[in-house]
Amino acid sequence: MRCNSLKWFVMAGCLLFSASICFGSGNEEQKAPAAAVSADNFEFPSAIEGSSVEHTFSIRNTGTAPLKIESVKTG
């Protein structure tokens, strides 16, 4: 009799633990930035050496936290 009670107690505890992990509080949303880039690549046309060429990349933060752009590389 005592063994059956212990089994039920352990099973109920496992069930409650599993439910708490699966469902959590439900209202917690992780805040994170998310960069949406119009085009992540651009092929510049041929240019004369020493001349300037330009292209504008549009970057929009679609996340829920501030987006920090700390470095940009070419090539």
C-alpha atoms as a PDB file:
ATOM      1  CA  MET A   1       0.000   0.000   0.000  1.00  0.00           C
ATOM      2  CA  ARG A   2       2.769   2.387   0.923  1.00  0.00           C
ATOM      3  CA  CYS A   3       4.600   1.663  -2.354  1.00  0.00           C
ATOM      4  CA  ASN A   4       1.513   2.585  -4.438  1.00  0.00           C
ATOM      5  CA  SER A   5       1.141   5.889  -2.577  1.00  0.00           C
ATOM      6  CA  LEU A   6       4.774   6.703  -3.228  1.00  0.00           C
ATOM      7  CA  LYS A   7       4.378   5.879  -6.946  1.00  0.00           C
ATOM      8  CA  TRP A   8       1.366   8.189  -7.238  1.00  0.00           C
ATOM      9  CA  PHE A   9       3.184  10.945  -5.384  1.00  0.00           C
ATOM     10  CA  VAL A  10       6.224  10.674  -7.682  1.00  0.00           C
ATOM     11  CA  MET A  11       4.043  10.551 -10.813  1.00  0.00           C
ATOM     12  CA  ALA A  12       2.053  13.603  -9.704  1.00  0.00           C
ATOM     13  CA  GLY A  13       5.282  15.501  -8.989  1.00  0.00           C
ATOM     14  CA  CYS A  14       6.694  14.630 -12.419  1.00  0.00           C
ATOM     15  CA  LEU A  15       3.464  15.725 -14.076  1.00  0.00           C
ATOM     16  CA  LEU A  16       3.459  19.081 -12.274  1.00  0.00           C
ATOM     17  CA  PHE A  17       7.141  19.624 -13.043  1.00  0.00           C
ATOM     18  CA  SER A  18       6.603  18.825 -16.745  1.00  0.00           C
ATOM     19  CA  ALA A  19       3.604  21.153 -16.954  1.00  0.00           C
ATOM     20  CA  SER A  20       5.527  24.015 -15.346  1.00  0.00           C
ATOM     21  CA  ILE A  21       8.346  23.640 -17.882  1.00  0.00           C
ATOM     22  CA  CYS A  22       6.024  23.347 -20.893  1.00  0.00           C
ATOM     23  CA  PHE A  23       3.670  26.176 -20.042  1.00  0.00           C
ATOM     24  CA  GLY A  24       5.734  28.485 -17.819  1.00  0.00           C
ATOM     25  CA  SER A  25       4.001  31.748 -17.028  1.00  0.00           C
ATOM     26  CA  GLY A  26       3.087  32.266 -20.680  1.00  0.00           C
ATOM     27  CA  ASN A  27       3.399  36.058 -20.644  1.00  0.00           C
ATOM     28  CA  GLU A  28       7.167  36.379 -20.638  1.00  0.00           C
ATOM     29  CA  GLU A  29       8.508  37.672 -23.948  1.00  0.00           C
ATOM     30  CA  GLN A  30      12.228  37.779 -24.541  1.00  0.00           C
ATOM     31  CA  LYS A  31      13.402  41.171 -25.745  1.00  0.00           C
ATOM     32  CA  ALA A  32      15.943  41.026 -28.541  1.00  0.00           C
ATOM     33  CA  PRO A  33      16.930  43.160 -31.515  1.00  0.00           C
ATOM     34  CA  ALA A  34      16.371  41.878 -35.041  1.00  0.00           C
ATOM     35  CA  ALA A  35      17.942  43.538 -38.084  1.00  0.00           C
ATOM     36  CA  ALA A  36      15.949  43.607 -41.303  1.00  0.00           C
ATOM     37  CA  VAL A  37      18.269  44.538 -44.178  1.00  0.00           C
ATOM     38  CA  SER A  38      16.951  45.529 -47.615  1.00  0.00           C
ATOM     39  CA  ALA A  39      19.845  43.672 -49.299  1.00  0.00           C
ATOM     40  CA  ASP A  40      22.824  42.108 -47.563  1.00  0.00           C
ATOM     41  CA  ASN A  41      24.938  42.165 -50.722  1.00  0.00           C
ATOM     42  CA  PHE A  42      25.547  44.694 -53.496  1.00  0.00           C
ATOM     43  CA  GLU A  43      27.828  44.379 -56.545  1.00  0.00           C
ATOM     44  CA  PHE A  44      29.325  47.732 -57.425  1.00  0.00           C
ATOM     45  CA  PRO A  45      29.849  48.385 -61.134  1.00  0.00           C
ATOM     46  CA  SER A  46      33.344  48.984 -62.450  1.00  0.00           C
ATOM     47  CA  ALA A  47      34.747  52.351 -61.397  1.00  0.00           C
ATOM     48  CA  ILE A  48      37.743  54.452 -62.277  1.00  0.00           C
ATOM     49  CA  GLU A  49      40.497  54.222 -59.672  1.00  0.00           C
ATOM     50  CA  GLY A  50      40.295  57.107 -57.220  1.00  0.00           C
ATOM     51  CA  SER A  51      36.621  57.836 -57.898  1.00  0.00           C
ATOM     52  CA  SER A  52      33.944  57.518 -55.242  1.00  0.00           C
ATOM     53  CA  VAL A  53      31.135  55.003 -55.380  1.00  0.00           C
ATOM     54  CA  GLU A  54      28.201  54.870 -52.993  1.00  0.00           C
ATOM     55  CA  HIS A  55      25.346  52.600 -52.066  1.00  0.00           C
ATOM     56  CA  THR A  56      22.847  52.952 -49.249  1.00  0.00           C
ATOM     57  CA  PHE A  57      21.820  49.890 -47.282  1.00  0.00           C
ATOM     58  CA  SER A  58      18.536  50.219 -45.405  1.00  0.00           C
ATOM     59  CA  ILE A  59      18.575  48.566 -41.990  1.00  0.00           C
ATOM     60  CA  ARG A  60      15.467  48.455 -39.821  1.00  0.00           C
ATOM     61  CA  ASN A  61      15.128  47.089 -36.291  1.00  0.00           C
ATOM     62  CA  THR A  62      12.130  44.749 -36.264  1.00  0.00           C
ATOM     63  CA  GLY A  63      12.934  43.425 -32.787  1.00  0.00           C
ATOM     64  CA  THR A  64      11.811  44.466 -29.338  1.00  0.00           C
ATOM     65  CA  ALA A  65      15.149  45.769 -27.991  1.00  0.00           C
ATOM     66  CA  PRO A  66      17.541  48.449 -29.248  1.00  0.00           C
ATOM     67  CA  LEU A  67      19.706  47.409 -32.193  1.00  0.00           C
ATOM     68  CA  LYS A  68      23.394  48.344 -31.895  1.00  0.00           C
ATOM     69  CA  ILE A  69      25.524  48.273 -35.027  1.00  0.00           C
ATOM     70  CA  GLU A  70      29.050  48.108 -33.669  1.00  0.00           C
ATOM     71  CA  SER A  71      31.037  47.510 -36.861  1.00  0.00           C
ATOM     72  CA  VAL A  72      30.668  47.345 -40.630  1.00  0.00           C
ATOM     73  CA  LYS A  73      33.062  45.575 -42.994  1.00  0.00           C
ATOM     74  CA  THR A  74      33.524  45.662 -46.737  1.00  0.00           C
ATOM     75  CA  GLY A  75      34.712  42.864 -48.948  1.00  0.00           C
END
